Protein backbone atom coordinates (compact mmCIF):
# COMPACT_ATOMS: atom_id res chain seq x y z
CA MET A 1 -15.91 -18.80 14.77
CA THR A 2 -17.23 -21.45 17.61
CA ARG A 3 -20.54 -20.69 19.06
CA THR A 4 -19.17 -19.93 22.38
CA LEU A 5 -17.15 -17.18 21.24
CA LEU A 6 -19.94 -15.78 19.01
CA GLY A 7 -21.93 -15.44 22.25
CA MET A 8 -19.20 -14.14 24.04
CA ALA A 9 -18.35 -11.56 21.68
CA VAL A 10 -22.19 -10.50 21.39
CA GLY A 11 -22.41 -10.68 25.28
CA LEU A 12 -19.88 -8.16 25.59
CA ALA A 13 -21.03 -5.76 22.93
CA LEU A 14 -24.09 -5.94 24.63
CA SER A 15 -22.93 -5.34 28.20
CA ALA A 16 -20.84 -2.50 27.87
CA GLY A 17 -22.75 0.47 29.00
CA PRO A 18 -23.63 3.77 27.29
CA LEU A 19 -19.97 5.46 26.01
CA THR A 20 -19.73 9.17 24.93
CA ALA A 21 -18.79 9.98 21.11
CA GLN A 22 -15.87 11.79 20.27
CA ALA A 23 -16.26 14.44 17.70
CA GLN A 24 -13.63 15.25 15.35
CA SER A 25 -13.07 18.01 12.70
CA ASP A 26 -13.09 17.29 8.97
CA GLU A 27 -9.75 18.40 9.17
CA ASP A 28 -8.56 15.45 11.52
CA VAL A 29 -9.94 12.41 10.26
CA LYS A 30 -9.12 8.98 11.39
CA MET A 31 -10.68 5.50 10.61
CA GLY A 32 -10.13 1.96 11.10
CA PHE A 33 -9.36 -0.97 8.92
CA ILE A 34 -10.02 -4.26 10.55
CA VAL A 35 -9.44 -7.39 8.76
CA LYS A 36 -9.75 -10.91 9.34
CA LYS A 37 -6.79 -12.39 7.80
CA PRO A 38 -3.96 -9.95 8.22
CA GLU A 39 -1.09 -12.35 6.84
CA GLN A 40 -3.22 -12.95 3.34
CA ALA A 41 -1.81 -11.06 0.37
CA TRP A 42 -5.49 -9.83 -0.59
CA PHE A 43 -6.03 -7.95 2.81
CA ILE A 44 -2.53 -6.67 2.95
CA ASN A 45 -3.35 -4.99 -0.60
CA GLU A 46 -6.54 -3.75 0.90
CA GLN A 47 -5.31 -1.74 3.96
CA GLU A 48 -2.04 -0.69 2.12
CA ALA A 49 -4.56 0.78 -0.46
CA ALA A 50 -6.39 2.61 1.92
CA THR A 51 -3.44 3.83 3.93
CA ALA A 52 -2.31 5.18 0.70
CA LEU A 53 -5.43 7.32 -0.11
CA GLY A 54 -5.36 8.55 3.56
CA GLU A 55 -1.92 9.87 2.78
CA GLU A 56 -3.37 11.35 -0.50
CA LYS A 57 -6.38 12.98 1.07
CA GLY A 58 -5.22 13.73 4.44
CA PHE A 59 -6.54 11.41 6.73
CA GLU A 60 -5.34 8.33 9.04
CA VAL A 61 -6.19 4.91 8.70
CA VAL A 62 -5.10 2.74 11.32
CA ARG A 63 -4.54 -0.96 10.28
CA LEU A 64 -6.10 -3.54 12.76
CA SER A 65 -6.42 -7.45 12.70
CA GLY A 66 -9.85 -8.81 13.82
CA GLU A 67 -9.42 -12.84 13.47
CA ASP A 68 -12.42 -13.51 16.19
CA GLY A 69 -14.91 -11.50 17.74
CA GLN A 70 -13.01 -10.34 20.85
CA GLU A 71 -10.31 -9.24 18.67
CA VAL A 72 -12.77 -6.94 16.77
CA LEU A 73 -14.14 -5.69 19.60
CA SER A 74 -10.78 -4.73 21.27
CA ALA A 75 -9.91 -2.87 17.72
CA ILE A 76 -12.88 -0.82 17.93
CA ASP A 77 -12.14 0.17 21.81
CA ASN A 78 -8.59 0.68 20.45
CA LEU A 79 -10.21 2.98 17.66
CA ASN A 80 -12.28 4.99 20.14
CA SER A 81 -9.53 5.69 22.12
CA GLN A 82 -7.44 7.23 19.45
CA GLY A 83 -10.27 9.27 18.44
CA ALA A 84 -11.22 7.39 15.15
CA GLN A 85 -14.73 8.17 13.54
CA GLY A 86 -15.29 5.19 12.02
CA PHE A 87 -13.97 1.79 10.35
CA VAL A 88 -13.92 -0.56 7.37
CA ILE A 89 -14.17 -4.10 8.12
CA CYS A 90 -14.25 -7.51 6.72
CA PRO A 91 -15.37 -9.44 9.65
CA PRO A 92 -14.18 -12.95 10.92
CA ASP A 93 -17.82 -14.32 11.07
CA VAL A 94 -20.83 -12.19 9.36
CA ARG A 95 -23.17 -13.00 12.28
CA LEU A 96 -20.97 -10.83 14.05
CA GLY A 97 -22.82 -8.04 12.50
CA PRO A 98 -25.38 -7.01 15.38
CA ALA A 99 -22.66 -7.28 18.06
CA ILE A 100 -20.34 -5.03 16.13
CA MET A 101 -22.85 -2.39 15.16
CA ASN A 102 -23.98 -2.22 18.86
CA ARG A 103 -20.30 -1.75 20.04
CA ALA A 104 -19.76 0.97 16.86
CA LYS A 105 -22.97 2.90 17.90
CA GLN A 106 -22.02 3.34 21.57
CA TYR A 107 -18.93 5.17 20.19
CA GLY A 108 -20.78 7.06 17.60
CA MET A 109 -18.39 5.37 14.91
CA LYS A 110 -19.91 5.03 11.11
CA VAL A 111 -19.18 1.31 9.59
CA VAL A 112 -18.38 0.05 6.24
CA THR A 113 -18.05 -3.46 5.49
CA VAL A 114 -15.67 -4.92 2.68
CA ASP A 115 -15.72 -8.10 0.99
CA ASP A 116 -18.18 -10.35 3.41
CA ARG A 117 -21.45 -8.57 4.49
CA PHE A 118 -22.96 -8.43 8.08
CA ILE A 119 -25.94 -10.74 8.42
CA GLY A 120 -28.36 -9.88 11.06
CA SER A 121 -30.49 -11.98 13.66
CA ASP A 122 -33.09 -12.53 11.01
CA GLY A 123 -30.62 -14.41 8.67
CA GLU A 124 -30.59 -11.44 6.02
CA PRO A 125 -27.70 -8.79 5.03
CA MET A 126 -27.88 -6.13 7.35
CA GLU A 127 -28.99 -3.46 4.79
CA ASN A 128 -28.18 -0.35 6.83
CA VAL A 129 -24.85 -0.99 6.74
CA PRO A 130 -22.87 -0.10 3.62
CA HIS A 131 -21.21 -2.98 1.73
CA LEU A 132 -18.76 -3.08 -1.00
CA GLY A 133 -17.83 -6.70 -2.11
CA MET A 134 -17.56 -9.07 -5.19
CA SER A 135 -21.09 -10.44 -6.66
CA GLY A 136 -19.96 -14.06 -5.08
CA TYR A 137 -22.25 -15.96 -7.77
CA LYS A 138 -21.46 -14.34 -10.52
CA ILE A 139 -17.93 -14.56 -10.26
CA GLY A 140 -18.66 -18.07 -9.35
CA GLU A 141 -20.03 -18.59 -12.64
CA GLN A 142 -16.75 -17.19 -14.35
CA VAL A 143 -14.89 -19.81 -12.53
CA GLY A 144 -17.15 -22.69 -13.62
CA ASN A 145 -16.72 -21.11 -17.22
CA ALA A 146 -13.11 -20.79 -16.99
CA ILE A 147 -12.87 -24.70 -16.28
CA ALA A 148 -15.20 -25.67 -18.52
CA GLU A 149 -13.49 -23.85 -21.29
CA GLU A 150 -10.05 -25.19 -20.33
CA MET A 151 -11.72 -28.60 -20.29
CA ASP A 152 -12.86 -28.03 -23.81
CA ASN A 153 -9.49 -27.22 -24.81
CA ARG A 154 -8.00 -30.16 -23.44
CA GLY A 155 -10.44 -32.46 -25.07
CA TRP A 156 -11.80 -33.76 -21.70
CA ASP A 157 -14.99 -35.91 -22.13
CA PRO A 158 -17.15 -34.45 -19.00
CA ASP A 159 -18.41 -37.77 -17.81
CA GLU A 160 -14.94 -38.81 -16.93
CA VAL A 161 -13.72 -35.81 -15.10
CA ALA A 162 -14.14 -35.20 -11.30
CA ALA A 163 -14.42 -31.89 -9.32
CA LEU A 164 -13.24 -30.83 -6.00
CA ARG A 165 -15.44 -28.49 -4.81
CA ILE A 166 -14.08 -27.11 -1.35
CA THR A 167 -16.48 -25.70 0.76
CA ASN A 168 -17.21 -23.70 3.62
CA TYR A 169 -20.90 -23.30 3.81
CA GLU A 170 -20.90 -21.27 7.22
CA LEU A 171 -19.76 -17.94 5.14
CA PRO A 172 -22.45 -17.07 2.83
CA THR A 173 -20.06 -15.58 0.23
CA ALA A 174 -18.27 -18.96 -0.35
CA LYS A 175 -21.30 -20.44 -0.91
CA GLU A 176 -22.42 -18.07 -3.23
CA ARG A 177 -19.15 -18.48 -4.98
CA THR A 178 -19.14 -22.00 -5.37
CA ASP A 179 -22.48 -22.35 -6.17
CA GLY A 180 -22.38 -19.92 -9.31
CA ALA A 181 -19.32 -22.19 -10.32
CA THR A 182 -21.49 -25.18 -9.99
CA ALA A 183 -24.34 -23.89 -11.92
CA ALA A 184 -21.81 -22.75 -14.77
CA LEU A 185 -20.19 -26.23 -14.71
CA LEU A 186 -23.23 -28.08 -14.71
CA GLU A 187 -24.62 -25.79 -17.62
CA SER A 188 -21.83 -26.47 -19.50
CA GLY A 189 -22.58 -30.62 -19.53
CA PHE A 190 -20.79 -31.42 -16.32
CA LYS A 191 -21.94 -34.81 -14.50
CA LYS A 192 -23.54 -33.71 -11.07
CA ASP A 193 -22.74 -36.88 -9.64
CA ASN A 194 -18.65 -36.21 -10.25
CA ILE A 195 -18.92 -33.15 -7.91
CA PHE A 196 -17.33 -34.02 -4.45
CA ASP A 197 -17.29 -31.93 -1.61
CA ALA A 198 -14.37 -31.19 0.65
CA PRO A 199 -15.51 -29.12 3.69
CA GLN A 200 -12.77 -26.81 5.03
CA GLN A 201 -12.54 -25.59 8.69
CA ASN A 202 -10.83 -22.21 7.27
CA THR A 203 -10.16 -20.22 4.18
CA ASP A 204 -6.71 -21.07 3.73
CA THR A 205 -4.20 -23.43 1.82
CA SER A 206 -3.50 -25.69 4.94
CA SER A 207 -7.17 -26.10 5.73
CA ALA A 208 -7.99 -26.51 2.13
CA PHE A 209 -5.25 -29.33 1.72
CA SER A 210 -6.52 -31.25 4.69
CA ALA A 211 -9.96 -31.12 3.33
CA ALA A 212 -9.16 -32.17 -0.33
CA SER A 213 -6.71 -35.17 0.22
CA PRO A 214 -9.23 -37.39 1.78
CA VAL A 215 -11.32 -37.16 -1.22
CA PHE A 216 -8.74 -37.66 -3.76
CA SER A 217 -7.57 -41.07 -1.90
CA LYS A 218 -11.33 -42.05 -1.88
CA ARG A 219 -11.80 -41.39 -5.48
CA GLY A 220 -9.00 -42.90 -7.02
CA ASP A 221 -10.84 -44.08 -10.33
CA PHE A 222 -10.94 -40.49 -11.92
CA GLU A 223 -7.78 -39.50 -13.92
CA HIS A 224 -8.95 -35.87 -14.38
CA TRP A 225 -9.97 -33.48 -11.72
CA VAL A 226 -11.00 -29.83 -11.69
CA ILE A 227 -10.97 -27.67 -8.27
CA TYR A 228 -12.81 -24.71 -7.51
CA ALA A 229 -13.60 -23.19 -3.95
CA LEU A 230 -14.41 -19.42 -2.46
CA ASN A 231 -10.65 -18.44 -3.01
CA GLU A 232 -7.25 -19.28 -4.86
CA GLU A 233 -5.42 -19.94 -1.20
CA SER A 234 -8.17 -22.63 -1.00
CA VAL A 235 -7.56 -23.85 -4.50
CA LEU A 236 -4.00 -24.05 -4.11
CA GLY A 237 -4.62 -26.30 -0.97
CA GLY A 238 -6.64 -28.61 -3.37
CA VAL A 239 -3.69 -28.49 -5.82
CA ARG A 240 -1.03 -29.52 -3.51
CA ALA A 241 -3.35 -32.38 -2.31
CA SER A 242 -3.40 -33.31 -5.82
CA GLU A 243 0.28 -33.24 -6.35
CA GLN A 244 0.72 -35.47 -2.93
CA TYR A 245 -1.95 -38.07 -4.33
CA GLY A 246 0.12 -38.41 -7.22
CA LEU A 247 -1.76 -36.37 -10.43
CA ASP A 248 0.39 -34.40 -12.96
CA PRO A 249 -0.50 -30.90 -13.62
CA ASP A 250 -2.22 -31.96 -16.93
CA GLN A 251 -4.71 -34.09 -15.08
CA VAL A 252 -5.74 -30.95 -13.24
CA ILE A 253 -7.53 -27.79 -13.60
CA GLY A 254 -7.90 -25.59 -10.69
CA VAL A 255 -9.48 -21.71 -10.81
CA GLY A 256 -9.17 -19.65 -8.25
CA ILE A 257 -10.86 -16.13 -7.14
CA ASN A 258 -8.57 -12.99 -6.05
CA GLY A 259 -5.86 -12.43 -7.86
CA SER A 260 -3.18 -11.87 -5.24
CA GLY A 261 0.51 -12.86 -3.90
CA ALA A 262 -0.39 -16.40 -3.63
CA ALA A 263 -1.52 -16.74 -7.23
CA PHE A 264 1.23 -14.66 -8.38
CA ALA A 265 4.11 -17.09 -6.64
CA GLU A 266 2.16 -20.16 -8.40
CA PHE A 267 2.25 -18.31 -11.87
CA SER A 268 6.17 -17.60 -11.28
CA ARG A 269 6.78 -21.15 -10.91
CA GLU A 270 9.38 -22.43 -13.25
CA LYS A 271 6.77 -25.26 -14.28
CA PRO A 272 3.46 -24.94 -14.72
CA THR A 273 0.97 -26.88 -11.82
CA GLY A 274 -2.57 -27.96 -11.43
CA PHE A 275 -3.34 -24.13 -10.79
CA HIS A 276 -4.85 -23.11 -14.12
CA GLY A 277 -5.97 -19.66 -13.48
CA THR A 278 -7.65 -17.22 -11.09
CA VAL A 279 -10.72 -14.79 -11.17
CA ALA A 280 -8.60 -11.71 -10.15
CA VAL A 281 -10.44 -8.90 -8.47
CA SER A 282 -8.82 -5.82 -7.44
CA SER A 283 -8.19 -5.95 -3.69
CA THR A 284 -6.62 -2.68 -4.03
CA MET A 285 -9.71 -1.19 -5.58
CA HIS A 286 -11.56 -2.81 -2.60
CA GLY A 287 -9.28 -1.22 0.01
CA ARG A 288 -9.28 2.38 -1.83
CA GLN A 289 -12.81 2.50 -2.57
CA SER A 290 -14.22 1.21 0.93
CA ALA A 291 -11.93 3.63 2.43
CA ASP A 292 -12.98 6.47 0.28
CA ASN A 293 -16.69 5.50 0.68
CA LEU A 294 -15.90 6.18 4.46
CA TYR A 295 -14.45 8.97 4.18
CA GLN A 296 -16.92 10.65 2.41
CA TRP A 297 -19.72 9.70 5.07
CA ILE A 298 -17.81 11.08 7.66
CA THR A 299 -16.52 14.33 6.14
CA ASP A 300 -19.82 15.18 3.80
CA GLY A 301 -22.64 13.16 5.79
CA GLU A 302 -22.76 11.38 2.59
CA LYS A 303 -23.92 7.80 3.42
CA PRO A 304 -22.58 5.27 0.46
CA LYS A 305 -25.18 2.77 -1.36
CA ALA A 306 -26.05 -0.35 0.46
CA ASN A 307 -24.50 -2.69 -1.59
CA THR A 308 -21.94 -1.93 -4.49
CA GLU A 309 -21.00 -5.20 -6.50
CA THR A 310 -17.50 -5.54 -8.12
CA THR A 311 -16.39 -8.24 -11.11
CA GLY A 312 -13.08 -10.25 -12.00
CA LYS A 313 -11.34 -11.19 -15.06
CA LEU A 314 -9.42 -14.59 -15.59
CA MET A 315 -5.88 -14.42 -15.27
CA THR A 316 -3.57 -17.14 -16.08
CA ARG A 317 0.14 -18.15 -16.44
CA ASP A 318 -0.16 -16.36 -19.96
CA ASN A 319 -1.51 -12.98 -19.11
CA TRP A 320 -1.25 -12.74 -15.18
CA GLN A 321 1.15 -9.83 -15.49
CA ASP A 322 -1.01 -7.67 -18.13
CA VAL A 323 -3.73 -8.59 -15.92
CA ARG A 324 -2.33 -7.30 -12.71
CA GLU A 325 -0.83 -3.98 -14.13
CA GLU A 326 -4.56 -3.63 -15.54
CA LEU A 327 -6.42 -4.05 -12.24
CA GLY A 328 -3.52 -2.19 -10.32
CA LEU A 329 -2.28 -5.12 -7.96
């Protein structure tokens, strides 16, 4: 999100006049579930899981897109017009937290964040907004350890291996994950000077591909590469760039994070690629649990914990179907 749009979103939220909250009975619960990338498998799973829980417990989930600040604020207005008492959100920009909460408070809505946590004007997490997400740093460490183990299995000399670190430091969640992976790699004996950054503009495959391609071109002296990023879509962008550059699958070890449709499709290919694995986290559980937390808060007045962190499990071409079943993906 550009600074202009961020400022516009904040301005819109702050300029809105006082609005009357709509009271609803416990038997008529409606909530929104707003995600920043509605086309990505991870968020599709989350919204579907929340909807399924609503069908089980008798409440309605309105699935909405919030790809920028204006769309989020419009989604909140939409929810208010439908009589919703609150919403779960993975924000497009964590810095929008104060503006989003200002709008929600005007409507008397309860808010739970999932995956990406709101950041306040002081640069710190907004502790007053309940959150459910991954322990980014620890899951990043799992990525780094998985890469180091596979390097050892292949007999690679760490001094002769390059790492492509696809980064997005404006997103705290992304930095936590790549920092964790980097720390684990360095602890395993990887050379710090062999880690090369590829800053991406977005968090999808095409953005990562564009960021990674120039790095391969500039560092052609390395025959072996490892790739990591904030999610598996970005790692896949790096893998596609390595293929375009001419590297074979056995020259690349890419490990992502999530465990969703993008990884399943890659593991289902007839021949292996440089995408070695992904640390799978249950997007289904994230969607279901965050919606249930909000439902309990609305109906029982029980505010969820300030921060709930989940962990992951390594999924590879050999075990992906078993892990998928185990995690309910």
